[in-house]
Amino acid sequence: MNKTFTAPDLQGYYGPFGGAFIPEMLFQNVEHLQQSYQEIYNDPIFQRDFHALLKDYVGRPTPLFLAERLSEKYGSIIYLKREDLCHTGAHKINNTIGQILLAERLGKKRIIAETGAGQHGVATATVCALKGLECIVYMGEKDIDRQAPNVARMKMLGARVIPATSGSKTLKDATNEAIRDWINNPTDTHYIIGSVVGPHPYPDMVAKFQSVISHEMKAQLQEKTGNPLPNRVIACVGGGSNAAGAFYHFLDEPSVEIVAVEAAGHGITSGLSAATTQLGVPGILHGSKSIVMQTSDGQVVEPHSISAGLDYPGIGPMHAHLFSSGRGRFLSATDEQAMHAAFEVSKLEGIIPALETAHAFAVLGDLQLQKGEVSVICLSGRGDKDLSTYMNAMNEQ
C-alpha cells in the first residue's frame, strides 16, 4: 500500500479505492493514457507550456486573501484562496489547460466533457477554442435549465452542448453519456474528465493539475504568516477536484487538518441529499471503486443538491481514502445552510461565492475555530452562474 495520501499505487488505488473498471472498448484508450501521462506530465517542455498558460492565460497565482470581517466574526484567522478569480471563474480551468496540452501530445482532435454546474464545460470549451479543437459537452437537462448562463457561454465559445435526458438528468447522467461517446469514438477523442473521478489515471492526473492551488497556498502562507502550514484547509466536495487541489500539498502533513464539506441537500436522512460519505458504501461508479450512494442491490441512488456541481452520488477515490482512513474530516451542509452562508460571505467580504463553495463556508460555526489558528478556505468559484437561484431566494424572503 502506498505511504502517501497524494498518489495512488501502480494500479491506481488510494488504499482500497480507485483502479480502472472499464468496458473492453475503452481498454486501449485508457491503457495508452496510463502509459503516457506520467512521461508527458514530467516532460520539462510540457511543464513549461502548462505553467506559462496558467500564468498568462488563467491569471495565476490567484490571491490568498485575509477575510478580516469573517475572521472577526468567527474569532480566528481565515484566508480565502481566490480560485473564483481564475479565467472563466473557477478552478476548473487548471485541469482543462493541463488536459488539452496532454490531448495535443496524444494527437487527439476531438474533445468531449461532462459538466454539472457548467464551469467544467465552460473551461473545456475555452481551451478547445484556444487550441482550435472540436468540443462536445454533455450536460444534464435539469442542469441546463438551472445553469443557463454557462450553457450560453459554452455555445458562444463554439462547443456543442448535448443534454442528458435519462435518470435524474444531472451530472451522473451527463457522465454516462460522455463515457458512451468515448466508447463509440475511441481513436480520435480525448475525454476531459472534470473531477478526481473516473478510471485510473484520471483521479491522479486531475489532482496533479489542480495541485497548483495548494502549491501556491504554501508559498503565500509563508509570505503572509511566516509558516507554510495552516491549521486547516477547508473545501467543498462533490467529485472533489477543488478539494484535491487545495489539500494536495498538505495531505502528508499530519499537523494540517483536512476538512471536506459535502452537500446534505434537504438533510442527510431526507432522501434528497448528496452526502456521499454519510450515505454511501463501497461500489463501482464511472470506472473506479469508491464510496457510492446506492441501494442494497447496487442501484445508484439519485443525489440532490441545490448546487449542480455537488449533485453527484459518488466521490473521488482519493477522498474516499481520506474519509475511510480518518485523514480527512468530512462534514456536510444543507441547501439552506449553504444559501445562508453565501449571503453572509457576500455581505461580510464583498465576494459572491458559487453555491458549491458556499457549502465550505457553511461549516465555519461547527469547527470550534480558535484565536490565532489559521484556516484556508478554497473559494472554488464565483456566484455569477447561481444568480438566478440567489434571486429566487431573495424573492422568497
Protein backbone atom coordinates (compact mmCIF):
# COMPACT_ATOMS: atom_id res chain seq x y z
CA MET A 1 0.00 0.00 0.00
CA ASN A 2 1.31 3.47 -0.83
CA LYS A 3 2.58 5.53 2.10
CA THR A 4 1.46 8.88 0.74
CA PHE A 5 -2.09 10.19 0.56
CA THR A 6 -1.35 12.17 -2.62
CA ALA A 7 -0.54 9.44 -5.13
CA PRO A 8 -2.16 6.09 -5.94
CA ASP A 9 -0.23 2.85 -6.36
CA LEU A 10 0.68 1.50 -9.81
CA GLN A 11 -2.84 0.10 -10.30
CA GLY A 12 -4.40 3.45 -9.42
CA TYR A 13 -5.53 2.61 -5.89
CA TYR A 14 -5.65 5.00 -2.94
CA GLY A 15 -5.82 2.45 -0.16
CA PRO A 16 -8.82 0.23 -1.13
CA PHE A 17 -10.27 2.78 -3.59
CA GLY A 18 -9.53 3.54 -7.24
CA GLY A 19 -8.48 1.29 -10.09
CA ALA A 20 -9.86 1.17 -13.63
CA PHE A 21 -13.17 -0.63 -14.22
CA ILE A 22 -13.82 -0.05 -17.90
CA PRO A 23 -15.55 -1.65 -20.88
CA GLU A 24 -13.29 -3.59 -23.25
CA MET A 25 -13.78 -0.96 -25.97
CA LEU A 26 -12.02 1.63 -23.81
CA PHE A 27 -9.18 -0.59 -22.61
CA GLN A 28 -6.71 0.50 -25.29
CA ASN A 29 -7.51 4.20 -24.79
CA VAL A 30 -7.19 4.10 -21.01
CA GLU A 31 -4.09 1.91 -21.08
CA HIS A 32 -2.42 4.31 -23.54
CA LEU A 33 -3.28 7.20 -21.23
CA GLN A 34 -1.90 5.33 -18.21
CA GLN A 35 1.34 4.63 -20.03
CA SER A 36 1.73 8.12 -21.49
CA TYR A 37 0.54 10.69 -18.99
CA GLN A 38 3.32 10.47 -16.40
CA GLU A 39 6.02 10.78 -19.04
CA ILE A 40 4.22 13.70 -20.68
CA TYR A 41 3.46 15.38 -17.32
CA ASN A 42 7.11 15.13 -16.22
CA ASP A 43 8.48 16.46 -19.52
CA PRO A 44 10.08 19.89 -18.80
CA ILE A 45 8.65 21.31 -22.05
CA PHE A 46 5.12 20.23 -21.05
CA GLN A 47 5.59 21.79 -17.62
CA ARG A 48 6.90 25.00 -19.20
CA ASP A 49 3.88 25.25 -21.52
CA PHE A 50 1.43 24.34 -18.72
CA HIS A 51 2.74 26.93 -16.28
CA ALA A 52 3.06 29.61 -18.97
CA LEU A 53 -0.64 29.26 -19.76
CA LEU A 54 -1.56 29.16 -16.06
CA LYS A 55 0.29 32.46 -15.63
CA ASP A 56 -0.57 34.35 -18.81
CA TYR A 57 -4.00 32.91 -19.70
CA VAL A 58 -5.56 31.72 -16.43
CA GLY A 59 -4.13 34.55 -14.31
CA ARG A 60 -2.23 32.55 -11.70
CA PRO A 61 -1.14 32.76 -8.98
CA THR A 62 -4.57 33.52 -7.54
CA PRO A 63 -4.53 35.71 -4.41
CA LEU A 64 -4.65 34.42 -0.84
CA PHE A 65 -6.97 36.94 0.80
CA LEU A 66 -7.26 37.60 4.54
CA ALA A 67 -11.01 37.77 5.17
CA GLU A 68 -10.90 40.23 8.06
CA ARG A 69 -14.63 40.57 8.76
CA LEU A 70 -15.21 36.82 8.51
CA SER A 71 -12.19 36.28 10.78
CA GLU A 72 -13.59 38.75 13.30
CA LYS A 73 -16.99 37.02 13.31
CA TYR A 74 -15.53 33.56 13.98
CA GLY A 75 -12.69 34.71 16.28
CA SER A 76 -9.96 33.15 14.18
CA ILE A 77 -7.76 33.85 11.13
CA ILE A 78 -9.48 32.93 7.87
CA TYR A 79 -7.85 33.19 4.46
CA LEU A 80 -9.61 32.67 1.14
CA LYS A 81 -7.80 31.09 -1.80
CA ARG A 82 -9.37 33.06 -4.64
CA GLU A 83 -9.94 30.45 -7.36
CA ASP A 84 -13.00 32.49 -8.34
CA LEU A 85 -10.57 34.96 -9.93
CA CYS A 86 -9.26 32.42 -12.45
CA HIS A 87 -10.18 32.97 -16.09
CA THR A 88 -13.70 31.51 -16.56
CA GLY A 89 -14.48 31.99 -12.85
CA ALA A 90 -13.44 28.74 -11.16
CA HIS A 91 -10.63 26.27 -10.51
CA LYS A 92 -11.79 24.01 -13.38
CA ILE A 93 -9.55 25.78 -15.91
CA ASN A 94 -6.39 24.49 -14.16
CA ASN A 95 -7.27 20.94 -15.15
CA THR A 96 -8.57 21.67 -18.66
CA ILE A 97 -5.37 23.56 -19.55
CA GLY A 98 -3.33 20.52 -18.48
CA GLN A 99 -5.56 18.03 -20.27
CA ILE A 100 -5.79 19.97 -23.55
CA LEU A 101 -1.97 20.06 -23.70
CA LEU A 102 -1.99 16.32 -22.97
CA ALA A 103 -4.60 15.69 -25.70
CA GLU A 104 -2.43 17.59 -28.18
CA ARG A 105 0.56 15.41 -27.29
CA LEU A 106 -1.60 12.30 -27.79
CA GLY A 107 -2.72 13.52 -31.22
CA LYS A 108 -6.43 13.79 -30.33
CA LYS A 109 -8.57 16.12 -32.46
CA ARG A 110 -11.94 15.82 -30.74
CA ILE A 111 -12.67 16.66 -27.10
CA ILE A 112 -15.63 15.55 -25.01
CA ALA A 113 -16.53 16.51 -21.45
CA GLU A 114 -19.28 16.20 -18.88
CA THR A 115 -20.43 19.08 -16.73
CA GLY A 116 -22.79 19.73 -13.82
CA ALA A 117 -22.61 23.35 -12.74
CA GLY A 118 -21.32 24.20 -16.20
CA GLN A 119 -17.94 25.53 -15.02
CA HIS A 120 -16.03 22.50 -16.28
CA GLY A 121 -17.94 22.68 -19.55
CA VAL A 122 -17.04 26.35 -19.92
CA ALA A 123 -13.40 25.64 -19.04
CA THR A 124 -13.29 22.80 -21.60
CA ALA A 125 -14.94 24.90 -24.30
CA THR A 126 -12.46 27.68 -23.51
CA VAL A 127 -9.34 25.57 -24.00
CA CYS A 128 -10.80 23.93 -27.13
CA ALA A 129 -11.34 27.41 -28.60
CA LEU A 130 -7.79 28.32 -27.58
CA LYS A 131 -6.40 25.26 -29.39
CA GLY A 132 -8.90 25.04 -32.26
CA LEU A 133 -10.26 21.60 -31.37
CA GLU A 134 -13.81 20.26 -31.70
CA CYS A 135 -15.69 20.32 -28.37
CA ILE A 136 -18.77 18.36 -27.27
CA VAL A 137 -20.11 18.87 -23.74
CA TYR A 138 -22.69 16.56 -22.15
CA MET A 139 -24.89 18.20 -19.52
CA GLY A 140 -27.96 17.02 -17.65
CA GLU A 141 -31.20 18.53 -18.90
CA LYS A 142 -32.00 19.71 -15.36
CA ASP A 143 -28.60 21.41 -15.09
CA ILE A 144 -29.03 23.07 -18.50
CA ASP A 145 -32.14 24.77 -17.09
CA ARG A 146 -30.58 25.89 -13.80
CA GLN A 147 -27.20 26.93 -15.25
CA ALA A 148 -28.38 28.77 -18.38
CA PRO A 149 -25.62 31.45 -18.36
CA ASN A 150 -22.92 28.81 -18.52
CA VAL A 151 -24.71 26.99 -21.34
CA ALA A 152 -24.73 30.26 -23.30
CA ARG A 153 -21.01 30.75 -22.63
CA MET A 154 -20.18 27.24 -23.88
CA LYS A 155 -22.13 27.80 -27.08
CA MET A 156 -20.52 31.21 -27.62
CA LEU A 157 -17.11 29.52 -27.29
CA GLY A 158 -18.04 27.11 -30.07
CA ALA A 159 -18.94 23.99 -28.08
CA ARG A 160 -21.90 21.73 -28.84
CA VAL A 161 -23.93 21.13 -25.67
CA ILE A 162 -25.82 17.81 -25.69
CA PRO A 163 -28.49 17.27 -23.00
CA ALA A 164 -28.58 14.09 -20.93
CA THR A 165 -32.25 13.16 -20.61
CA SER A 166 -32.07 9.93 -18.57
CA GLY A 167 -32.13 9.33 -14.82
CA SER A 168 -32.02 12.47 -12.69
CA LYS A 169 -30.85 14.47 -15.75
CA THR A 170 -27.85 15.79 -13.79
CA LEU A 171 -24.09 15.24 -13.57
CA LYS A 172 -24.17 11.44 -13.16
CA ASP A 173 -26.23 11.10 -16.33
CA ALA A 174 -24.04 13.54 -18.28
CA THR A 175 -21.03 11.43 -17.29
CA ASN A 176 -22.77 8.27 -18.52
CA GLU A 177 -23.41 9.91 -21.91
CA ALA A 178 -19.81 11.12 -22.22
CA ILE A 179 -18.49 7.62 -21.50
CA ARG A 180 -20.83 6.19 -24.17
CA ASP A 181 -19.48 8.73 -26.66
CA TRP A 182 -15.90 7.79 -25.80
CA ILE A 183 -16.66 4.09 -26.33
CA ASN A 184 -18.02 4.91 -29.79
CA ASN A 185 -15.11 7.22 -30.71
CA PRO A 186 -12.02 5.74 -29.04
CA THR A 187 -9.31 6.71 -31.52
CA ASP A 188 -9.68 10.45 -32.25
CA THR A 189 -11.35 11.54 -28.98
CA HIS A 190 -9.95 12.58 -25.60
CA TYR A 191 -12.35 12.72 -22.67
CA ILE A 192 -11.52 15.62 -20.35
CA ILE A 193 -12.99 14.43 -17.05
CA GLY A 194 -13.64 17.40 -14.80
CA SER A 195 -13.12 15.91 -11.36
CA VAL A 196 -10.93 13.42 -9.48
CA VAL A 197 -13.23 10.58 -10.56
CA GLY A 198 -13.20 8.01 -13.35
CA PRO A 199 -10.76 5.21 -14.16
CA HIS A 200 -7.07 5.44 -13.34
CA PRO A 201 -5.18 7.64 -14.29
CA TYR A 202 -7.84 10.37 -14.19
CA PRO A 203 -8.09 10.85 -10.39
CA ASP A 204 -4.30 11.19 -10.10
CA MET A 205 -3.98 13.29 -13.25
CA VAL A 206 -6.70 15.78 -12.30
CA ALA A 207 -5.35 16.05 -8.74
CA LYS A 208 -1.87 16.81 -10.10
CA PHE A 209 -3.17 19.55 -12.39
CA GLN A 210 -5.21 21.06 -9.54
CA SER A 211 -2.36 20.78 -7.01
CA VAL A 212 -1.14 24.18 -8.20
CA ILE A 213 -3.73 25.52 -5.72
CA SER A 214 -2.04 24.14 -2.59
CA HIS A 215 1.44 24.70 -4.04
CA GLU A 216 0.65 28.42 -4.23
CA MET A 217 -1.05 28.36 -0.82
CA LYS A 218 2.12 27.17 0.92
CA ALA A 219 4.28 29.92 -0.58
CA GLN A 220 1.63 32.57 0.11
CA LEU A 221 1.16 31.45 3.73
CA GLN A 222 4.91 31.51 4.25
CA GLU A 223 4.97 35.08 2.98
CA LYS A 224 1.94 36.24 4.99
CA THR A 225 2.31 34.30 8.25
CA GLY A 226 5.89 33.01 8.30
CA ASN A 227 4.63 29.42 8.23
CA PRO A 228 3.72 27.47 5.06
CA LEU A 229 1.36 25.21 7.02
CA PRO A 230 -2.10 26.38 8.15
CA ASN A 231 -4.04 24.73 10.97
CA ARG A 232 -6.67 23.56 8.49
CA VAL A 233 -7.76 23.65 4.87
CA ILE A 234 -11.49 23.63 4.05
CA ALA A 235 -13.10 22.84 0.69
CA CYS A 236 -16.43 21.68 -0.71
CA VAL A 237 -16.55 18.20 -2.22
CA GLY A 238 -18.72 16.72 -4.96
CA GLY A 239 -16.40 14.60 -7.04
CA GLY A 240 -13.71 16.63 -5.36
CA SER A 241 -11.28 18.36 -7.75
CA ASN A 242 -11.03 21.73 -5.99
CA ALA A 243 -10.63 19.91 -2.67
CA ALA A 244 -7.95 17.60 -4.10
CA GLY A 245 -6.05 20.63 -5.35
CA ALA A 246 -6.43 22.57 -2.10
CA PHE A 247 -5.50 19.58 0.09
CA TYR A 248 -2.75 18.05 -2.09
CA HIS A 249 0.45 19.53 -0.65
CA PHE A 250 -0.87 19.26 2.92
CA LEU A 251 -2.07 15.65 2.88
CA ASP A 252 1.21 14.23 4.17
CA GLU A 253 1.50 16.99 6.81
CA PRO A 254 -0.36 15.50 9.81
CA SER A 255 -0.47 18.85 11.64
CA VAL A 256 -2.83 20.26 8.98
CA GLU A 257 -6.50 19.37 9.48
CA ILE A 258 -8.26 18.48 6.23
CA VAL A 259 -11.96 19.45 6.18
CA ALA A 260 -14.18 18.38 3.29
CA VAL A 261 -17.78 19.58 3.08
CA GLU A 262 -20.41 17.62 1.17
CA ALA A 263 -23.91 18.65 0.14
CA ALA A 264 -26.57 17.42 2.58
CA GLY A 265 -29.36 18.74 0.36
CA HIS A 266 -32.62 18.76 2.33
CA GLY A 267 -30.88 16.83 5.15
CA ILE A 268 -28.82 13.65 5.30
CA THR A 269 -31.81 11.45 6.16
CA SER A 270 -34.29 13.29 3.92
CA GLY A 271 -33.83 11.12 0.84
CA LEU A 272 -32.77 14.27 -1.02
CA SER A 273 -29.05 14.53 -0.30
CA ALA A 274 -25.61 14.18 -1.86
CA ALA A 275 -23.63 13.48 1.34
CA THR A 276 -21.82 10.50 -0.16
CA THR A 277 -19.56 9.56 2.75
CA GLN A 278 -22.50 9.59 5.14
CA LEU A 279 -24.90 7.65 2.91
CA GLY A 280 -22.68 5.63 0.59
CA VAL A 281 -20.94 2.25 0.63
CA PRO A 282 -18.02 0.92 -1.43
CA GLY A 283 -19.01 0.37 -5.06
CA ILE A 284 -18.07 0.98 -8.68
CA LEU A 285 -19.11 4.20 -10.41
CA HIS A 286 -17.84 5.69 -13.66
CA GLY A 287 -14.78 3.50 -13.87
CA SER A 288 -13.38 3.38 -10.34
CA LYS A 289 -14.08 1.83 -6.95
CA SER A 290 -15.09 4.42 -4.42
CA ILE A 291 -17.87 5.27 -1.98
CA VAL A 292 -21.19 5.45 -3.82
CA MET A 293 -24.76 6.18 -2.80
CA GLN A 294 -26.57 3.00 -3.82
CA THR A 295 -29.40 0.68 -2.87
CA SER A 296 -28.88 -2.76 -1.30
CA ASP A 297 -28.96 -4.32 -4.78
CA GLY A 298 -26.37 -1.90 -6.16
CA GLN A 299 -28.58 0.62 -7.98
CA VAL A 300 -27.23 4.17 -7.78
CA VAL A 301 -29.35 6.46 -5.59
CA GLU A 302 -30.27 9.78 -7.20
CA PRO A 303 -28.48 12.58 -5.33
CA HIS A 304 -29.83 16.06 -4.63
CA SER A 305 -28.13 19.37 -4.03
CA ILE A 306 -29.13 22.95 -4.72
CA SER A 307 -25.63 23.27 -6.23
CA ALA A 308 -25.29 21.48 -9.57
CA GLY A 309 -21.56 20.86 -9.07
CA LEU A 310 -22.12 18.85 -5.87
CA ASP A 311 -25.11 16.89 -7.19
CA TYR A 312 -23.17 13.62 -7.61
CA PRO A 313 -23.77 10.21 -5.96
CA GLY A 314 -20.08 9.35 -5.57
CA ILE A 315 -16.78 10.83 -4.52
CA GLY A 316 -13.26 10.61 -5.91
CA PRO A 317 -11.22 7.60 -4.69
CA MET A 318 -8.61 9.89 -3.10
CA HIS A 319 -11.34 11.42 -0.95
CA ALA A 320 -12.87 8.03 -0.17
CA HIS A 321 -9.45 7.00 1.18
CA LEU A 322 -9.11 10.24 3.18
CA PHE A 323 -12.52 9.55 4.72
CA SER A 324 -12.08 5.84 5.44
CA SER A 325 -8.57 6.31 6.85
CA GLY A 326 -9.63 9.20 9.07
CA ARG A 327 -7.10 11.59 7.49
CA GLY A 328 -9.90 13.87 6.32
CA ARG A 329 -12.77 15.24 8.37
CA PHE A 330 -15.95 15.05 6.30
CA LEU A 331 -18.85 17.35 7.18
CA SER A 332 -21.98 18.33 5.29
CA ALA A 333 -24.16 21.41 4.82
CA THR A 334 -27.79 21.57 3.74
CA ASP A 335 -29.15 23.66 0.87
CA GLU A 336 -30.48 26.15 3.39
CA GLN A 337 -27.19 26.40 5.30
CA ALA A 338 -25.24 26.89 2.07
CA MET A 339 -27.62 29.60 0.92
CA HIS A 340 -27.32 31.40 4.28
CA ALA A 341 -23.50 31.18 4.10
CA ALA A 342 -23.46 32.59 0.54
CA PHE A 343 -25.32 35.71 1.65
CA GLU A 344 -23.15 36.03 4.76
CA VAL A 345 -19.89 35.95 2.78
CA SER A 346 -21.30 38.35 0.20
CA LYS A 347 -22.24 40.91 2.85
CA LEU A 348 -19.15 40.49 5.03
CA GLU A 349 -16.45 40.34 2.36
CA GLY A 350 -17.95 41.70 -0.85
CA ILE A 351 -17.43 38.36 -2.58
CA ILE A 352 -20.38 36.42 -4.05
CA PRO A 353 -19.33 32.76 -3.97
CA ALA A 354 -20.55 29.90 -6.12
CA LEU A 355 -23.21 27.80 -4.40
CA GLU A 356 -20.75 24.89 -4.30
CA THR A 357 -18.19 26.96 -2.39
CA ALA A 358 -20.88 28.28 -0.05
CA HIS A 359 -21.06 24.78 1.46
CA ALA A 360 -17.46 25.16 2.67
CA PHE A 361 -18.31 28.44 4.41
CA ALA A 362 -21.43 26.92 5.98
CA VAL A 363 -19.48 24.77 8.46
CA LEU A 364 -17.32 27.53 9.98
CA GLY A 365 -19.57 27.67 13.05
CA ASP A 366 -19.15 23.92 13.61
CA LEU A 367 -15.34 23.85 13.60
CA GLN A 368 -14.68 25.46 17.01
CA LEU A 369 -12.09 27.77 15.50
CA GLN A 370 -9.55 29.08 17.98
CA LYS A 371 -7.98 32.52 18.23
CA GLY A 372 -4.66 32.57 16.40
CA GLU A 373 -5.43 29.50 14.29
CA VAL A 374 -5.06 29.88 10.53
CA SER A 375 -7.73 28.33 8.28
CA VAL A 376 -7.74 28.49 4.48
CA ILE A 377 -10.98 28.07 2.53
CA CYS A 378 -10.74 27.20 -1.15
CA LEU A 379 -13.11 29.71 -2.73
CA SER A 380 -13.50 27.48 -5.76
CA GLY A 381 -15.83 29.60 -7.91
CA ARG A 382 -17.75 32.82 -8.26
CA GLY A 383 -21.50 33.13 -7.96
CA ASP A 384 -22.46 34.63 -11.34
CA LYS A 385 -23.77 31.28 -12.57
CA ASP A 386 -26.01 30.94 -9.47
CA LEU A 387 -27.53 34.41 -9.60
CA SER A 388 -30.99 33.18 -10.60
CA THR A 389 -31.01 30.79 -7.59
CA TYR A 390 -29.90 33.63 -5.32
CA MET A 391 -32.56 35.93 -6.80
CA ASN A 392 -35.25 33.31 -6.15
CA ALA A 393 -34.09 33.06 -2.53
CA MET A 394 -34.28 36.85 -2.10
CA ASN A 395 -37.76 36.93 -3.63
CA GLU A 396 -38.94 34.28 -1.17
CA GLN A 397 -37.71 36.21 1.88
